[in-house]
Amino acid sequence: MRSRSGWIRFALVIVLLLMLPVLISEYRMNLAITIMIYSVFALSYNLLFGQGGLLSFGHAAYFGFGAYACVILVKQLSLPLPLAIVLGGVAGCLLGLLFGIFVVRMRGVSFALLTLAFNQLIYVTAEKWRAVTGGEDGLAFVRPGFHIAGFKIDLYATINWYYFVLLVSLLCVGFLWYFTFTPLGRLNFCMRENEERAKFVGYNTYTARLAIYVISGFFAGIAGAMASSFQEFVSTTYINLDKATDVLMMTFIGGGGTFLGPIIGAFALTLINDLLSTWMERWAIVQGILFILLVLYAPNGLSGLYLTLRDRWSRRAAVEHAR
């Protein structure tokens, strides 16, 4: 990305995303919006799983908490939607701080099970606290517009909402990309490889992991707030184990070892689910089989598979050139 060719590819992608509403149907535009939202969600999870080496089964708690916060703030307090989305991220951040105080002390199976327990705690709370969350029926609202510089932006129109989500997603992706090069981001990789050495050098790994956990919760909350605003609805399905499994699958399918892997995984899983659900009724079985094959034959995900094939082709080309 620091090379000229990397910046050129990045510019081409931005141009393509800006022109996309002209090139595709409204249905495909909705798919593109879904992919962008879940790309942010998967990247937030990748801070823990791919870059930090922590397997979490509770990341849906922050996604759902941000979704509920956004809907309640818009519906009950009539806050502008952009502000409500930011506050949805703050809600995920605060929940991440509350739970992170306990979970970042753990590693391995203990960490995974504790995050699962906290996720179920939020799920049961949302299900039983019907006066606030609507229980299993959820909460519905109409996506409002907002005023800026004297102009009203109508976010109900799909094309306007697409560009709004694109802007927010690019800001989130840009920050998370920059974060990987910060001292805290590099320390995250270091702790994944050898936490004891990081402690020996003098780093406070508990505080560092807690900060990373909070940042991860913030962006998961942003993604959840955008998702509930997109669907104009939120329910306990935003917090259940299916949602927690989805983000894990996106990150794994794309490849948690690379930055772009979760984005690739969000793109692939969204398209696979859309295609399979239109072709057959029991599409989840086929999805599971594809996931098993990927685990067996491409454990580093699609991005890892691409890098492996590229290295093989490069070596083969070098050998042919030497001959």
Protein backbone atom coordinates (compact mmCIF):
# COMPACT_ATOMS: atom_id res chain seq x y z
CA MET A 1 0.00 0.00 0.00
CA ARG A 2 3.02 2.26 0.50
CA SER A 3 4.19 1.68 -3.08
CA ARG A 4 2.91 3.62 -6.07
CA SER A 5 1.18 0.56 -7.49
CA GLY A 6 -0.59 0.04 -4.16
CA TRP A 7 -1.95 3.57 -4.15
CA ILE A 8 -3.05 3.21 -7.77
CA ARG A 9 -4.98 0.03 -6.94
CA PHE A 10 -6.52 1.76 -3.94
CA ALA A 11 -7.62 4.72 -6.10
CA LEU A 12 -9.15 2.36 -8.67
CA VAL A 13 -11.11 0.57 -5.95
CA ILE A 14 -12.44 3.90 -4.63
CA VAL A 15 -13.48 4.98 -8.13
CA LEU A 16 -15.23 1.63 -8.66
CA LEU A 17 -17.09 1.95 -5.35
CA LEU A 18 -18.20 5.48 -6.22
CA MET A 19 -19.49 4.36 -9.63
CA LEU A 20 -21.05 1.12 -8.39
CA PRO A 21 -24.64 2.43 -7.91
CA VAL A 22 -24.70 3.33 -11.61
CA LEU A 23 -23.48 -0.11 -12.69
CA ILE A 24 -25.66 -2.44 -10.60
CA SER A 25 -29.30 -2.89 -9.62
CA GLU A 26 -30.78 -1.73 -6.34
CA TYR A 27 -30.83 -5.31 -5.06
CA ARG A 28 -27.09 -5.67 -5.71
CA MET A 29 -26.56 -2.27 -4.12
CA ASN A 30 -28.17 -3.58 -0.95
CA LEU A 31 -25.76 -6.53 -1.06
CA ALA A 32 -22.85 -4.10 -1.42
CA ILE A 33 -24.09 -2.17 1.63
CA THR A 34 -24.27 -5.41 3.61
CA ILE A 35 -20.73 -6.34 2.57
CA MET A 36 -19.37 -2.95 3.67
CA ILE A 37 -21.08 -3.15 7.06
CA TYR A 38 -19.86 -6.67 7.73
CA SER A 39 -16.38 -5.78 6.52
CA VAL A 40 -16.14 -3.28 9.39
CA PHE A 41 -17.50 -5.92 11.78
CA ALA A 42 -15.01 -8.54 10.59
CA LEU A 43 -12.08 -6.08 10.76
CA SER A 44 -13.01 -5.21 14.34
CA TYR A 45 -12.97 -8.93 15.17
CA ASN A 46 -9.66 -9.37 13.40
CA LEU A 47 -8.02 -7.06 15.95
CA LEU A 48 -8.60 -9.85 18.44
CA PHE A 49 -8.46 -13.02 16.37
CA GLY A 50 -6.10 -12.46 13.46
CA GLN A 51 -3.79 -9.81 14.88
CA GLY A 52 -4.04 -10.64 18.58
CA GLY A 53 -4.44 -14.42 18.47
CA LEU A 54 -7.54 -14.38 20.72
CA LEU A 55 -10.48 -16.58 19.73
CA SER A 56 -13.67 -14.83 20.86
CA PHE A 57 -17.18 -16.25 20.73
CA GLY A 58 -18.75 -13.09 22.12
CA HIS A 59 -18.08 -10.37 19.59
CA ALA A 60 -21.76 -10.25 18.61
CA ALA A 61 -22.49 -8.67 22.02
CA TYR A 62 -20.83 -5.40 20.96
CA PHE A 63 -22.40 -5.55 17.50
CA GLY A 64 -25.87 -6.00 18.99
CA PHE A 65 -25.33 -3.51 21.80
CA GLY A 66 -24.38 -0.83 19.30
CA ALA A 67 -27.39 -1.75 17.15
CA TYR A 68 -29.83 -1.44 20.06
CA ALA A 69 -28.24 1.81 21.26
CA CYS A 70 -28.56 3.40 17.83
CA VAL A 71 -32.22 2.44 17.37
CA ILE A 72 -33.23 3.52 20.88
CA LEU A 73 -31.42 6.87 20.56
CA VAL A 74 -33.11 7.62 17.24
CA LYS A 75 -36.54 6.32 18.19
CA GLN A 76 -36.79 7.60 21.77
CA LEU A 77 -34.57 10.71 21.74
CA SER A 78 -34.85 11.69 18.04
CA LEU A 79 -31.08 12.07 17.70
CA PRO A 80 -29.63 12.55 14.19
CA LEU A 81 -28.74 9.19 12.69
CA PRO A 82 -25.00 9.90 12.16
CA LEU A 83 -24.68 10.89 15.83
CA ALA A 84 -26.65 7.82 16.92
CA ILE A 85 -24.31 5.58 14.90
CA VAL A 86 -21.26 7.13 16.55
CA LEU A 87 -22.90 6.70 19.96
CA GLY A 88 -23.65 3.10 19.01
CA GLY A 89 -19.90 2.68 18.63
CA VAL A 90 -19.38 4.35 22.00
CA ALA A 91 -21.89 1.90 23.52
CA GLY A 92 -19.91 -1.02 22.10
CA CYS A 93 -16.74 0.60 23.40
CA LEU A 94 -18.10 0.96 26.96
CA LEU A 95 -19.41 -2.61 26.98
CA GLY A 96 -16.01 -3.74 25.73
CA LEU A 97 -14.37 -1.88 28.62
CA LEU A 98 -16.75 -3.44 31.16
CA PHE A 99 -16.27 -7.00 29.90
CA GLY A 100 -12.65 -6.52 28.85
CA ILE A 101 -11.57 -5.86 32.44
CA PHE A 102 -12.30 -9.53 33.08
CA VAL A 103 -11.79 -11.33 29.77
CA VAL A 104 -8.36 -9.99 28.77
CA ARG A 105 -6.87 -11.66 31.84
CA MET A 106 -7.67 -15.00 30.22
CA ARG A 107 -6.09 -16.88 27.32
CA GLY A 108 -7.03 -19.78 25.10
CA VAL A 109 -10.11 -21.80 26.00
CA SER A 110 -10.81 -19.73 29.12
CA PHE A 111 -10.92 -16.55 27.06
CA ALA A 112 -13.23 -18.11 24.45
CA LEU A 113 -15.65 -19.50 27.04
CA LEU A 114 -15.78 -16.29 29.07
CA THR A 115 -16.56 -14.20 25.97
CA LEU A 116 -19.28 -16.72 25.12
CA ALA A 117 -20.75 -16.38 28.61
CA PHE A 118 -20.81 -12.58 28.41
CA ASN A 119 -22.41 -12.76 24.96
CA GLN A 120 -25.17 -14.97 26.34
CA LEU A 121 -25.63 -12.55 29.24
CA ILE A 122 -26.34 -9.69 26.83
CA TYR A 123 -28.55 -11.94 24.69
CA VAL A 124 -30.72 -13.02 27.63
CA THR A 125 -30.93 -9.43 28.91
CA ALA A 126 -32.14 -8.22 25.51
CA GLU A 127 -34.62 -11.08 25.30
CA LYS A 128 -36.14 -10.52 28.76
CA TRP A 129 -36.02 -6.72 29.01
CA ARG A 130 -38.97 -6.26 26.69
CA ALA A 131 -39.83 -2.75 27.90
CA VAL A 132 -36.59 -1.45 26.38
CA THR A 133 -35.57 -3.94 23.70
CA GLY A 134 -38.91 -5.33 22.56
CA GLY A 135 -37.72 -8.86 23.37
CA GLU A 136 -37.87 -11.34 20.50
CA ASP A 137 -40.18 -8.97 18.59
CA GLY A 138 -37.43 -6.35 18.46
CA LEU A 139 -37.66 -2.66 17.67
CA ALA A 140 -38.54 -1.07 14.33
CA PHE A 141 -38.04 2.50 13.15
CA VAL A 142 -37.86 4.54 9.95
CA ARG A 143 -34.36 5.56 8.92
CA PRO A 144 -34.37 9.36 9.25
CA GLY A 145 -32.43 11.90 7.25
CA PHE A 146 -30.34 14.68 8.74
CA HIS A 147 -29.43 18.29 8.03
CA ILE A 148 -25.95 19.50 7.23
CA ALA A 149 -24.98 23.05 6.17
CA GLY A 150 -28.66 23.88 5.64
CA PHE A 151 -29.27 20.88 3.35
CA LYS A 152 -31.36 17.85 4.23
CA ILE A 153 -29.80 14.48 3.37
CA ASP A 154 -32.45 11.83 2.77
CA LEU A 155 -30.95 8.55 3.98
CA TYR A 156 -34.10 6.59 3.21
CA ALA A 157 -33.13 6.55 -0.48
CA THR A 158 -30.94 3.51 -1.13
CA ILE A 159 -28.33 5.38 -3.17
CA ASN A 160 -27.89 8.05 -0.48
CA TRP A 161 -27.62 5.39 2.20
CA TYR A 162 -25.05 3.54 0.08
CA TYR A 163 -22.78 6.58 -0.10
CA PHE A 164 -23.24 7.28 3.60
CA VAL A 165 -22.25 3.70 4.54
CA LEU A 166 -19.36 3.87 2.08
CA LEU A 167 -18.04 7.03 3.77
CA VAL A 168 -18.34 5.59 7.28
CA SER A 169 -16.83 2.26 6.21
CA LEU A 170 -13.86 3.93 4.53
CA LEU A 171 -13.19 6.00 7.64
CA CYS A 172 -13.32 2.86 9.81
CA VAL A 173 -11.13 0.82 7.44
CA GLY A 174 -8.66 3.70 7.16
CA PHE A 175 -8.33 4.00 10.93
CA LEU A 176 -7.93 0.25 11.42
CA TRP A 177 -5.31 0.16 8.66
CA TYR A 178 -3.41 3.01 10.31
CA PHE A 179 -3.76 1.32 13.71
CA THR A 180 -1.76 -1.72 12.55
CA PHE A 181 1.30 0.55 12.12
CA THR A 182 1.00 2.30 15.48
CA PRO A 183 3.06 1.12 18.48
CA LEU A 184 -0.06 -0.41 20.05
CA GLY A 185 -0.94 -2.17 16.81
CA ARG A 186 2.55 -3.62 16.50
CA LEU A 187 2.46 -4.65 20.14
CA ASN A 188 -0.74 -6.56 19.37
CA PHE A 189 1.17 -8.70 16.86
CA CYS A 190 4.02 -9.06 19.31
CA MET A 191 1.73 -10.33 22.07
CA ARG A 192 0.23 -12.83 19.66
CA GLU A 193 3.65 -14.29 18.92
CA ASN A 194 5.23 -14.12 22.39
CA GLU A 195 3.46 -12.34 25.21
CA GLU A 196 6.07 -13.33 27.79
CA ARG A 197 8.79 -11.60 25.80
CA ALA A 198 6.65 -8.45 25.55
CA LYS A 199 6.28 -8.49 29.34
CA PHE A 200 10.01 -9.04 29.77
CA VAL A 201 10.79 -6.02 27.59
CA GLY A 202 8.61 -3.92 29.90
CA TYR A 203 5.20 -3.63 28.24
CA ASN A 204 2.04 -3.74 30.33
CA THR A 205 0.29 -6.40 28.26
CA TYR A 206 -2.92 -6.31 30.33
CA THR A 207 -3.48 -2.60 29.67
CA ALA A 208 -2.52 -3.00 26.02
CA ARG A 209 -4.95 -5.89 25.47
CA LEU A 210 -7.70 -4.00 27.28
CA ALA A 211 -7.19 -0.96 25.03
CA ILE A 212 -7.28 -3.18 21.92
CA TYR A 213 -10.40 -4.94 23.21
CA VAL A 214 -12.14 -1.59 23.74
CA ILE A 215 -11.20 -0.36 20.24
CA SER A 216 -12.49 -3.62 18.79
CA GLY A 217 -15.79 -3.16 20.67
CA PHE A 218 -16.12 0.39 19.35
CA PHE A 219 -15.94 -0.62 15.68
CA ALA A 220 -18.19 -3.63 16.26
CA GLY A 221 -20.72 -1.18 17.76
CA ILE A 222 -20.39 1.08 14.70
CA ALA A 223 -21.05 -1.90 12.42
CA GLY A 224 -24.06 -2.96 14.50
CA ALA A 225 -25.49 0.57 14.46
CA MET A 226 -25.18 0.73 10.66
CA ALA A 227 -26.71 -2.75 10.31
CA SER A 228 -29.78 -1.90 12.41
CA SER A 229 -30.16 1.41 10.57
CA PHE A 230 -29.96 -0.41 7.26
CA GLN A 231 -32.59 -2.97 8.22
CA GLU A 232 -34.60 -0.34 10.16
CA PHE A 233 -35.00 -3.03 12.77
CA VAL A 234 -33.09 -4.66 15.62
CA SER A 235 -33.79 -7.84 17.57
CA THR A 236 -31.98 -10.51 19.54
CA THR A 237 -30.73 -12.03 16.26
CA TYR A 238 -28.07 -9.29 16.33
CA ILE A 239 -26.58 -10.83 19.47
CA ASN A 240 -27.15 -14.56 19.17
CA LEU A 241 -24.54 -17.25 18.53
CA ASP A 242 -25.29 -17.27 14.80
CA LYS A 243 -24.04 -13.69 14.57
CA ALA A 244 -20.96 -14.51 16.66
CA THR A 245 -20.26 -17.46 14.35
CA ASP A 246 -20.76 -15.39 11.21
CA VAL A 247 -18.02 -12.91 12.10
CA LEU A 248 -15.67 -15.76 12.98
CA MET A 249 -16.37 -17.43 9.63
CA MET A 250 -15.86 -14.18 7.71
CA THR A 251 -12.49 -13.61 9.32
CA PHE A 252 -11.38 -17.20 8.90
CA ILE A 253 -12.62 -17.56 5.32
CA GLY A 254 -10.85 -14.41 4.22
CA GLY A 255 -7.76 -15.06 6.31
CA GLY A 256 -7.11 -13.44 9.67
CA GLY A 257 -3.39 -13.24 9.00
CA THR A 258 -3.81 -10.33 6.57
CA PHE A 259 -5.55 -6.98 6.87
CA LEU A 260 -7.70 -7.40 3.77
CA GLY A 261 -8.61 -10.99 4.64
CA PRO A 262 -11.72 -10.15 6.73
CA ILE A 263 -13.00 -7.86 3.94
CA ILE A 264 -12.55 -10.70 1.45
CA GLY A 265 -14.31 -13.03 3.88
CA ALA A 266 -17.26 -10.65 4.34
CA PHE A 267 -17.57 -10.35 0.56
CA ALA A 268 -17.34 -14.11 -0.01
CA LEU A 269 -19.68 -15.20 2.78
CA THR A 270 -22.34 -12.61 1.90
CA LEU A 271 -22.35 -13.65 -1.76
CA ILE A 272 -22.26 -17.37 -0.95
CA ASN A 273 -25.21 -17.03 1.45
CA ASP A 274 -27.15 -14.99 -1.10
CA LEU A 275 -26.56 -17.45 -3.94
CA LEU A 276 -27.18 -20.60 -1.91
CA SER A 277 -30.36 -19.24 -0.33
CA THR A 278 -31.82 -18.56 -3.78
CA TRP A 279 -30.90 -22.01 -5.09
CA MET A 280 -31.94 -24.29 -2.24
CA GLU A 281 -33.85 -24.38 1.02
CA ARG A 282 -31.21 -26.10 3.19
CA TRP A 283 -28.38 -23.88 2.04
CA ALA A 284 -26.73 -23.79 5.49
CA ILE A 285 -25.63 -27.43 5.03
CA VAL A 286 -23.73 -26.55 1.87
CA GLN A 287 -22.23 -23.53 3.61
CA GLY A 288 -20.98 -25.80 6.39
CA ILE A 289 -19.43 -28.23 3.90
CA LEU A 290 -17.63 -25.38 2.12
CA PHE A 291 -16.30 -24.14 5.44
CA ILE A 292 -14.98 -27.62 6.34
CA LEU A 293 -13.22 -27.89 2.97
CA LEU A 294 -11.65 -24.49 3.51
CA VAL A 295 -10.39 -25.49 6.96
CA LEU A 296 -8.88 -28.68 5.54
CA TYR A 297 -7.29 -27.34 2.37
CA ALA A 298 -6.85 -23.59 2.96
CA PRO A 299 -6.33 -23.07 6.72
CA ASN A 300 -4.99 -19.55 6.11
CA GLY A 301 -8.15 -18.48 4.29
CA LEU A 302 -8.64 -17.20 0.77
CA SER A 303 -6.01 -14.48 1.14
CA GLY A 304 -3.51 -17.05 2.42
CA LEU A 305 -4.37 -19.36 -0.49
CA TYR A 306 -3.79 -16.50 -2.93
CA LEU A 307 -0.42 -15.63 -1.37
CA THR A 308 0.66 -19.30 -1.46
CA LEU A 309 -0.27 -19.66 -5.14
CA ARG A 310 1.41 -16.35 -5.97
CA ASP A 311 4.64 -17.45 -4.31
CA ARG A 312 4.55 -20.76 -6.20
CA TRP A 313 4.02 -19.00 -9.51
CA SER A 314 6.82 -16.55 -8.71
CA ARG A 315 9.25 -19.36 -7.88
CA ARG A 316 8.26 -21.29 -10.98
CA ALA A 317 8.73 -18.20 -13.13
CA ALA A 318 12.13 -17.58 -11.53
CA VAL A 319 13.18 -21.17 -12.26
CA GLU A 320 12.02 -20.91 -15.87
CA HIS A 321 13.85 -17.62 -16.25
CA ALA A 322 17.05 -19.14 -14.84
CA ARG A 323 16.81 -21.99 -17.32
